[in-house]
Amino acid sequence: MIKVVLDANQFVSALLKPHSNPAKIVRLVYEGDFTLLLSPAILDELQRVLAYLRIKKIHRRTPEEIDFFSEVGKNCSHNPRDTARFRNLT
């Protein structure tokens, strides 16, 4: 299995641009082709970046959706089962 690391900027790109390379990688993770490796620092940065006003204006997600996006990231390498809700975010 291929292991990948995405930083916060790549996750944001995946969220904002569904046809981008980072979005393709995220889809491959959820399809089980890749294993995603994350650190608490990356997840903290992701939540912080998604809360920036200029980014919020683009993604228009609620704080609950952002929390869910982060929670999925925390669990995706172990349990990538909740993909339907995640795909609605991307």
Protein backbone atom coordinates (compact mmCIF):
# COMPACT_ATOMS: atom_id res chain seq x y z
CA MET A 1 0.00 0.00 0.00
CA ILE A 2 1.24 3.44 -0.89
CA LYS A 3 1.49 5.83 2.06
CA VAL A 4 0.99 9.56 1.52
CA VAL A 5 1.29 12.69 3.63
CA LEU A 6 -0.76 15.76 2.77
CA ASP A 7 -0.13 19.06 4.48
CA ALA A 8 -2.91 21.48 5.40
CA ASN A 9 -2.56 23.44 2.16
CA GLN A 10 -3.09 20.31 0.10
CA PHE A 11 -6.23 19.46 2.07
CA VAL A 12 -7.53 22.98 1.51
CA SER A 13 -6.78 22.66 -2.19
CA ALA A 14 -8.67 19.35 -2.25
CA LEU A 15 -11.65 21.03 -0.60
CA LEU A 16 -11.67 24.11 -2.82
CA LYS A 17 -10.73 22.46 -6.11
CA PRO A 18 -12.38 19.05 -6.51
CA HIS A 19 -10.47 18.31 -9.74
CA SER A 20 -7.03 19.16 -8.34
CA ASN A 21 -4.27 16.63 -7.77
CA PRO A 22 -4.68 16.83 -3.97
CA ALA A 23 -8.41 16.07 -4.40
CA LYS A 24 -7.52 13.05 -6.53
CA ILE A 25 -5.15 11.84 -3.81
CA VAL A 26 -7.85 12.28 -1.14
CA ARG A 27 -10.26 10.24 -3.29
CA LEU A 28 -7.64 7.50 -3.65
CA VAL A 29 -7.24 7.43 0.12
CA TYR A 30 -10.99 6.96 0.57
CA GLU A 31 -11.10 4.31 -2.11
CA GLY A 32 -8.47 2.42 -0.14
CA ASP A 33 -5.68 2.72 -2.71
CA PHE A 34 -3.47 4.91 -0.47
CA THR A 35 -2.92 5.13 3.26
CA LEU A 36 -2.94 8.67 4.61
CA LEU A 37 -0.42 9.56 7.29
CA LEU A 38 -1.28 12.59 9.42
CA SER A 39 0.04 14.32 12.48
CA PRO A 40 -1.85 16.33 15.08
CA ALA A 41 0.08 19.40 13.89
CA ILE A 42 -1.25 19.01 10.33
CA LEU A 43 -4.82 18.62 11.60
CA ASP A 44 -4.50 21.65 13.88
CA GLU A 45 -3.15 23.72 10.99
CA LEU A 46 -5.97 22.49 8.75
CA GLN A 47 -8.63 23.68 11.17
CA ARG A 48 -6.86 27.00 11.60
CA VAL A 49 -6.50 27.58 7.84
CA LEU A 50 -10.11 26.63 7.11
CA ALA A 51 -11.19 29.26 9.65
CA TYR A 52 -9.35 32.11 7.85
CA LEU A 53 -11.91 34.63 6.64
CA ARG A 54 -10.61 34.73 3.06
CA ILE A 55 -10.73 30.91 2.88
CA LYS A 56 -14.15 30.71 4.56
CA LYS A 57 -15.54 33.03 1.88
CA ILE A 58 -14.50 30.51 -0.74
CA HIS A 59 -15.37 27.19 0.90
CA ARG A 60 -18.54 28.42 2.68
CA ARG A 61 -18.53 25.50 5.10
CA THR A 62 -20.01 25.64 8.56
CA PRO A 63 -17.83 25.17 11.64
CA GLU A 64 -19.49 21.77 12.08
CA GLU A 65 -18.49 20.72 8.55
CA ILE A 66 -14.94 21.88 9.20
CA ASP A 67 -14.86 19.87 12.42
CA PHE A 68 -16.19 16.85 10.55
CA PHE A 69 -13.56 17.29 7.82
CA SER A 70 -10.89 17.32 10.50
CA GLU A 71 -12.36 14.33 12.33
CA VAL A 72 -12.44 12.32 9.11
CA GLY A 73 -8.79 13.19 8.66
CA LYS A 74 -8.01 11.90 12.14
CA ASN A 75 -9.69 8.59 11.41
CA CYS A 76 -9.15 8.06 7.70
CA SER A 77 -6.03 5.95 7.87
CA HIS A 78 -7.80 3.60 10.27
CA ASN A 79 -11.45 3.73 9.25
CA PRO A 80 -12.23 5.37 5.89
CA ARG A 81 -15.89 4.36 5.95
CA ASP A 82 -17.72 7.68 6.23
CA THR A 83 -16.88 8.76 2.71
CA ALA A 84 -20.32 9.87 1.58
CA ARG A 85 -20.47 12.83 3.99
CA PHE A 86 -16.84 13.64 3.32
CA ARG A 87 -17.39 13.67 -0.46
CA ASN A 88 -20.23 16.13 0.06
CA LEU A 89 -17.64 18.47 1.55
CA THR A 90 -15.22 18.20 -1.36
